[in-house]
C-alpha atoms as a PDB file:
ATOM      1  CA  LYS A   1      21.314  18.928 -14.976  1.00  0.00           C
ATOM      2  CA  LEU A   2      19.217  21.865 -15.271  1.00  0.00           C
ATOM      3  CA  LEU A   3      15.273  21.957 -15.420  1.00  0.00           C
ATOM      4  CA  VAL A   4      13.044  25.061 -16.496  1.00  0.00           C
ATOM      5  CA  ASP A   5      10.253  25.042 -13.965  1.00  0.00           C
ATOM      6  CA  SER A   6       6.832  26.489 -14.649  1.00  0.00           C
ATOM      7  CA  LEU A   7       7.634  30.055 -13.691  1.00  0.00           C
ATOM      8  CA  GLY A   8      10.632  30.110 -16.144  1.00  0.00           C
ATOM      9  CA  LEU A   9      13.147  29.546 -13.411  1.00  0.00           C
ATOM     10  CA  CYS A  10      16.000  27.108 -13.740  1.00  0.00           C
ATOM     11  CA  ARG A  11      16.453  24.722 -10.922  1.00  0.00           C
ATOM     12  CA  ALA A  12      18.780  21.667 -10.365  1.00  0.00           C
ATOM     13  CA  VAL A  13      17.789  18.341 -11.067  1.00  0.00           C
ATOM     14  CA  ARG A  14      18.722  15.901  -8.351  1.00  0.00           C
ATOM     15  CA  LYS A  15      19.460  12.269  -9.297  1.00  0.00           C
ATOM     16  CA  MET A  16      18.292   9.709  -6.981  1.00  0.00           C
ATOM     17  CA  ALA A  17      21.204   8.215  -5.400  1.00  0.00           C
ATOM     18  CA  TRP A  18      21.601   4.630  -3.899  1.00  0.00           C
ATOM     19  CA  SER A  19      24.369   2.286  -2.764  1.00  0.00           C
ATOM     20  CA  PHE A  20      24.210  -0.839  -1.147  1.00  0.00           C
ATOM     21  CA  GLU A  21      24.699  -1.199   2.577  1.00  0.00           C
ATOM     22  CA  GLU A  22      24.606  -4.782   2.474  1.00  0.00           C
ATOM     23  CA  VAL A  23      23.646  -7.496   0.295  1.00  0.00           C
ATOM     24  CA  VAL A  24      22.751 -11.031   1.371  1.00  0.00           C
ATOM     25  CA  CYS A  25      21.066 -14.260  -0.126  1.00  0.00           C
ATOM     26  CA  GLU A  26      19.934 -17.258   0.555  1.00  0.00           C
ATOM     27  CA  ASP A  27      22.081 -19.052  -1.759  1.00  0.00           C
ATOM     28  CA  GLU A  28      25.079 -17.273  -3.376  1.00  0.00           C
ATOM     29  CA  LYS A  29      25.795 -19.864  -5.918  1.00  0.00           C
ATOM     30  CA  LEU A  30      22.465 -18.750  -7.794  1.00  0.00           C
ATOM     31  CA  LEU A  31      24.058 -15.251  -8.270  1.00  0.00           C
ATOM     32  CA  SER A  32      25.364 -13.965 -11.769  1.00  0.00           C
ATOM     33  CA  VAL A  33      25.954 -10.600 -13.830  1.00  0.00           C
ATOM     34  CA  ASP A  34      26.177 -10.994 -17.592  1.00  0.00           C
ATOM     35  CA  GLY A  35      26.064 -14.902 -17.420  1.00  0.00           C
ATOM     36  CA  ALA A  36      29.211 -14.788 -14.672  1.00  0.00           C
ATOM     37  CA  ALA A  37      29.042 -16.094 -11.227  1.00  0.00           C
ATOM     38  CA  ILE A  38      29.250 -13.438  -8.533  1.00  0.00           C
ATOM     39  CA  THR A  39      29.386 -13.202  -4.793  1.00  0.00           C
ATOM     40  CA  ALA A  40      26.889 -10.803  -2.690  1.00  0.00           C
ATOM     41  CA  ALA A  41      30.268  -9.216  -1.761  1.00  0.00           C
ATOM     42  CA  ASP A  42      31.137  -8.463  -5.559  1.00  0.00           C
ATOM     43  CA  VAL A  43      27.524  -7.063  -5.864  1.00  0.00           C
ATOM     44  CA  LYS A  44      28.196  -4.604  -3.142  1.00  0.00           C
ATOM     45  CA  ALA A  45      31.565  -3.754  -4.239  1.00  0.00           C
ATOM     46  CA  LYS A  46      31.382  -3.333  -7.969  1.00  0.00           C
ATOM     47  CA  TYR A  47      27.764  -2.069  -8.679  1.00  0.00           C
ATOM     48  CA  ASN A  48      27.049   0.404  -6.195  1.00  0.00           C
ATOM     49  CA  GLY A  49      24.559   2.950  -7.812  1.00  0.00           C
ATOM     50  CA  LYS A  50      25.122   1.479 -11.214  1.00  0.00           C
ATOM     51  CA  SER A  51      22.602   0.309 -13.735  1.00  0.00           C
ATOM     52  CA  PHE A  52      23.186  -3.663 -14.127  1.00  0.00           C
ATOM     53  CA  THR A  53      21.104  -6.762 -14.534  1.00  0.00           C
ATOM     54  CA  LEU A  54      21.517  -9.375 -11.519  1.00  0.00           C
ATOM     55  CA  LYS A  55      20.174 -12.846 -11.903  1.00  0.00           C
ATOM     56  CA  TYR A  56      19.206 -14.886  -8.981  1.00  0.00           C
ATOM     57  CA  GLY A  57      18.541 -18.086 -10.250  1.00  0.00           C
ATOM     58  CA  GLU A  58      15.753 -17.968 -12.412  1.00  0.00           C
ATOM     59  CA  HIS A  59      14.772 -14.439 -11.338  1.00  0.00           C
ATOM     60  CA  THR A  60      16.086 -11.155 -12.795  1.00  0.00           C
ATOM     61  CA  VAL A  61      16.567  -8.043 -10.701  1.00  0.00           C
ATOM     62  CA  MET A  62      17.108  -5.145 -12.939  1.00  0.00           C
ATOM     63  CA  PHE A  63      18.685  -1.761 -11.450  1.00  0.00           C
ATOM     64  CA  ALA A  64      18.093   1.228 -13.782  1.00  0.00           C
ATOM     65  CA  GLU A  65      17.564   4.919 -13.370  1.00  0.00           C
ATOM     66  CA  GLY A  66      16.515   4.979  -9.424  1.00  0.00           C
ATOM     67  CA  SER A  67      14.314   1.798  -9.453  1.00  0.00           C
ATOM     68  CA  ILE A  68      14.690  -1.991  -9.280  1.00  0.00           C
ATOM     69  CA  THR A  69      12.379  -4.209 -11.539  1.00  0.00           C
ATOM     70  CA  LEU A  70      11.950  -7.768 -10.536  1.00  0.00           C
ATOM     71  CA  ASN A  71      11.311 -10.043 -13.648  1.00  0.00           C
ATOM     72  CA  GLY A  72      10.658  -7.349 -16.014  1.00  0.00           C
ATOM     73  CA  LYS A  73       7.084  -6.797 -14.269  1.00  0.00           C
ATOM     74  CA  THR A  74       7.361  -5.169 -10.251  1.00  0.00           C
ATOM     75  CA  SER A  75       9.251  -2.071  -9.811  1.00  0.00           C
ATOM     76  CA  GLN A  76      10.146   0.165  -6.916  1.00  0.00           C
ATOM     77  CA  LYS A  77      12.188   3.161  -6.623  1.00  0.00           C
ATOM     78  CA  LEU A  78      15.494   3.178  -4.809  1.00  0.00           C
ATOM     79  CA  GLU A  79      17.282   5.781  -2.818  1.00  0.00           C
ATOM     80  CA  GLY A  80      19.795   5.784   0.128  1.00  0.00           C
ATOM     81  CA  ASN A  81      21.500   2.876   1.501  1.00  0.00           C
ATOM     82  CA  LEU A  82      19.840  -0.095   0.575  1.00  0.00           C
ATOM     83  CA  HIS A  83      19.804  -3.616   2.295  1.00  0.00           C
ATOM     84  CA  LEU A  84      19.466  -6.367  -0.322  1.00  0.00           C
ATOM     85  CA  ASP A  85      18.354  -9.658   0.478  1.00  0.00           C
ATOM     86  CA  LEU A  86      17.475 -12.254  -1.905  1.00  0.00           C
ATOM     87  CA  SER A  87      15.590 -15.624  -1.244  1.00  0.00           C
ATOM     88  CA  SER A  88      13.805 -18.168  -3.116  1.00  0.00           C
ATOM     89  CA  MET A  89      10.470 -16.200  -2.197  1.00  0.00           C
ATOM     90  CA  ALA A  90      10.944 -12.756  -2.362  1.00  0.00           C
ATOM     91  CA  CYS A  91      13.257  -9.839  -2.903  1.00  0.00           C
ATOM     92  CA  CYS A  92      13.587  -7.743  -0.011  1.00  0.00           C
ATOM     93  CA  ILE A  93      14.791  -4.092   0.117  1.00  0.00           C
ATOM     94  CA  GLY A  94      15.242  -2.872   3.728  1.00  0.00           C
ATOM     95  CA  ASP A  95      12.098  -3.656   5.233  1.00  0.00           C
ATOM     96  CA  SER A  96      10.107  -3.956   1.974  1.00  0.00           C
ATOM     97  CA  CYS A  97       9.649  -7.460   0.271  1.00  0.00           C
ATOM     98  CA  LEU A  98       8.395  -8.021  -2.996  1.00  0.00           C
ATOM     99  CA  MET A  99       7.148 -11.544  -3.751  1.00  0.00           C
ATOM    100  CA  TRP A 100       8.987 -12.720  -7.050  1.00  0.00           C
ATOM    101  CA  PRO A 101       6.447 -12.004  -9.986  1.00  0.00           C
ATOM    102  CA  LYS A 102       5.617 -15.035 -12.264  1.00  0.00           C
END
C-alpha cells in the first residue's frame, strides 16, 4: 500500500505486524472463539496476526487492525511477538497488564 506524503512523495505504508509468541490463561475452560471452546495452543496456532474476537469467560478480547480491545472499552496497540496471559483479574501483553474494564 502506498501513501502520498505532504511533499507529494509516495511512501510504502507498513502495516503493524504481530504474532503470538505464547498464550497462557488461568482457566483454559473459559476460552472460546465464535461460541466454540478453544485451547490456548489453538489460539496461538490459528489466529496469529489475524483479526478475531476471543472470549475469556465474561470478558471479550478483540484483536483488530494492530490493536487489542478489552470488553469494548480499553485498547492498546499491538506489534511484534506477543506473550498473552489471561486471568480473572487482567489481560497481560508482555510486561503490560490491563485490568478488565467493567
